[in-house]
Amino acid sequence: MDLLIDKYQDSMPKLTQWAEDNIPEGLTMFGLDLCEFNRKRLRTSNMIERLNQKC
């Protein structure tokens, strides 16, 4: 993300400010800060896949 900020800071300041404010929050949905149990549950919303999981 720092590359994006550095590249567009001068030409698109509103974009870079939006990116700094919103991208980290948006990435939390990928479970980067969650334990393994919760990451597996968030991986998919397909209930059939959840039922067929071995764990």
Protein backbone atom coordinates (compact mmCIF):
# COMPACT_ATOMS: atom_id res chain seq x y z
CA MET A 1 0.00 0.00 0.00
CA ASP A 2 2.92 2.35 0.62
CA LEU A 3 3.83 2.11 -3.06
CA LEU A 4 0.34 3.27 -4.01
CA ILE A 5 0.51 6.17 -1.58
CA ASP A 6 3.98 7.23 -2.76
CA LYS A 7 3.09 6.98 -6.43
CA TYR A 8 -0.16 8.96 -6.33
CA GLN A 9 0.38 11.34 -3.38
CA ASP A 10 1.07 14.37 -5.58
CA SER A 11 -1.27 13.67 -8.50
CA MET A 12 -4.26 12.27 -6.57
CA PRO A 13 -4.22 13.40 -2.95
CA LYS A 14 -7.89 12.53 -2.34
CA LEU A 15 -7.33 8.97 -3.56
CA THR A 16 -4.31 8.48 -1.35
CA GLN A 17 -6.14 9.85 1.69
CA TRP A 18 -9.08 7.53 0.99
CA ALA A 19 -6.72 4.58 0.58
CA GLU A 20 -4.94 5.32 3.86
CA ASP A 21 -8.28 5.57 5.68
CA ASN A 22 -10.16 2.65 4.14
CA ILE A 23 -7.90 -0.06 2.73
CA PRO A 24 -6.58 -1.37 6.08
CA GLU A 25 -10.12 -1.65 7.43
CA GLY A 26 -11.28 -3.41 4.27
CA LEU A 27 -8.48 -5.96 4.47
CA THR A 28 -9.58 -7.10 7.93
CA MET A 29 -12.39 -9.06 6.27
CA PHE A 30 -9.75 -11.42 4.92
CA GLY A 31 -9.02 -12.51 8.45
CA LEU A 32 -5.47 -11.34 8.70
CA ASP A 33 -5.90 -10.68 12.43
CA LEU A 34 -8.20 -13.61 13.21
CA CYS A 35 -7.40 -16.96 14.70
CA GLU A 36 -7.41 -20.02 12.44
CA PHE A 37 -10.87 -21.19 13.58
CA ASN A 38 -12.51 -17.89 12.60
CA ARG A 39 -10.54 -17.62 9.34
CA LYS A 40 -11.90 -20.99 8.23
CA ARG A 41 -15.46 -19.93 9.01
CA LEU A 42 -15.10 -16.63 7.13
CA ARG A 43 -13.46 -18.25 4.12
CA THR A 44 -16.78 -18.93 2.44
CA SER A 45 -20.45 -18.22 2.90
CA ASN A 46 -21.42 -21.41 1.07
CA MET A 47 -23.08 -23.61 3.71
CA ILE A 48 -22.58 -26.81 1.68
CA GLU A 49 -18.84 -26.22 1.66
CA ARG A 50 -18.93 -25.68 5.43
CA LEU A 51 -20.86 -28.92 5.94
CA ASN A 52 -18.41 -30.86 3.79
CA GLN A 53 -15.35 -29.50 5.60
CA LYS A 54 -13.34 -32.16 7.39
CA CYS A 55 -12.53 -29.98 10.41
